[in-house]
Protein backbone atom coordinates (compact mmCIF):
# COMPACT_ATOMS: atom_id res chain seq x y z
CA MET A 1 89.96 108.97 98.12
CA ASN A 2 89.34 112.01 95.99
CA SER A 3 87.35 111.13 92.88
CA ILE A 4 88.53 114.23 91.01
CA GLU A 5 92.17 113.26 91.47
CA GLU A 6 91.38 109.67 90.47
CA ALA A 7 89.70 110.97 87.30
CA LYS A 8 92.83 113.00 86.54
CA VAL A 9 94.93 109.85 86.87
CA ARG A 10 92.58 107.97 84.53
CA GLY A 11 92.70 110.83 82.04
CA TYR A 12 96.50 110.93 82.18
CA LEU A 13 96.71 107.20 81.54
CA GLN A 14 94.20 107.33 78.73
CA TYR A 15 95.10 110.53 76.89
CA THR A 16 98.78 111.12 77.64
CA LEU A 17 100.14 107.59 77.95
CA ARG A 18 97.59 106.24 75.43
CA TYR A 19 96.36 103.19 77.33
CA ASP A 20 93.07 101.52 76.49
CA PRO A 21 90.17 102.74 78.70
CA TYR A 22 89.52 99.15 79.79
CA ASP A 23 93.14 98.81 80.92
CA CYS A 24 92.96 102.06 82.91
CA GLY A 25 90.66 100.39 85.46
CA THR A 26 93.25 97.71 86.10
CA ILE A 27 96.08 100.23 86.35
CA VAL A 28 94.16 102.46 88.79
CA TYR A 29 93.30 99.38 90.86
CA CYS A 30 97.01 98.54 91.16
CA ILE A 31 97.92 102.15 91.99
CA ARG A 32 95.17 102.27 94.62
CA SER A 33 96.38 99.05 96.25
CA LEU A 34 99.98 100.31 96.32
CA ALA A 35 98.80 103.57 97.87
CA ARG A 36 96.95 101.62 100.57
CA MET A 37 100.07 99.59 101.33
CA ALA A 38 101.98 102.85 101.79
CA GLY A 39 99.27 104.15 104.14
CA HIS A 40 97.76 106.73 101.80
CA ASP A 41 94.72 107.24 99.63
CA LEU A 42 94.96 107.88 95.91
CA ASP A 43 95.49 111.63 96.29
CA HIS A 44 98.11 114.38 96.36
CA ARG A 45 99.73 113.05 99.55
CA PHE A 46 100.56 109.75 97.85
CA ALA A 47 101.99 111.67 94.90
CA HIS A 48 104.83 112.83 97.16
CA ALA A 49 105.48 109.44 98.79
CA GLY A 50 108.37 108.55 96.47
CA LEU A 51 110.66 105.71 97.48
CA GLY A 52 109.09 105.61 100.93
CA ALA A 53 106.26 103.65 99.30
CA GLY A 54 108.61 101.00 97.92
CA PRO A 55 109.92 100.39 94.40
CA GLU A 56 106.53 99.73 92.81
CA GLY A 57 104.96 102.46 94.90
CA ARG A 58 107.56 104.90 93.64
CA VAL A 59 106.40 104.28 90.08
CA ALA A 60 102.74 104.58 91.10
CA ALA A 61 103.45 107.80 93.03
CA GLY A 62 105.27 109.20 89.99
CA ILE A 63 102.25 108.47 87.80
CA VAL A 64 99.94 110.20 90.27
CA ASP A 65 102.28 113.18 90.57
CA ARG A 66 102.49 113.62 86.80
CA ALA A 67 98.73 113.25 86.45
CA LEU A 68 98.10 115.96 89.04
CA GLY A 69 100.38 118.42 87.25
CA GLY A 70 103.55 117.86 89.20
CA GLY A 71 107.00 117.25 87.83
CA GLY A 72 106.86 113.52 88.43
CA CYS A 73 109.80 111.70 89.88
CA GLU A 74 113.23 110.69 88.72
CA THR A 75 111.89 107.34 87.46
CA ALA A 76 112.37 106.95 83.71
CA MET A 77 109.34 106.61 81.45
CA TYR A 78 110.66 103.24 80.28
CA THR A 79 110.47 101.97 83.86
CA VAL A 80 106.97 103.39 84.27
CA ARG A 81 105.70 101.71 81.10
CA SER A 82 107.35 98.38 81.92
CA GLU A 83 105.81 98.42 85.42
CA ILE A 84 102.38 99.23 83.97
CA ASN A 85 102.72 96.39 81.47
CA LYS A 86 103.64 94.05 84.34
CA TRP A 87 100.52 95.14 86.22
CA LEU A 88 98.38 94.50 83.15
CA LEU A 89 99.83 91.00 82.73
CA THR A 90 99.54 89.93 86.36
CA THR A 91 96.22 91.55 87.39
CA PRO A 92 92.82 90.44 86.08
CA ALA A 93 90.91 92.95 83.97
CA LYS A 94 88.71 95.27 86.00
CA GLY A 95 86.83 97.12 83.24
CA MET A 96 86.41 100.83 82.60
CA ILE A 97 84.89 101.74 85.95
CA TYR A 98 86.21 100.14 89.07
């Protein structure tokens, strides 16, 4: 895990997508667990996983790719936001730093 890349993902969620800082911990936790299921860490290699990581992993990889300055993926922003909202509803709150 690269802490600089994880901080970029947190910053993207907080400043670009405008999520609450307390929700960002939960979102990063879900992205990290999806990256582990795909066999990656939360870094640039997972950003290029795409559909090979599964449907939820594709959304998570798109978020990581956009946060690291890439073009993202072909997943619509509506799908990304609805998946994030599902993660926030189904995962317990983790706090700002997790």
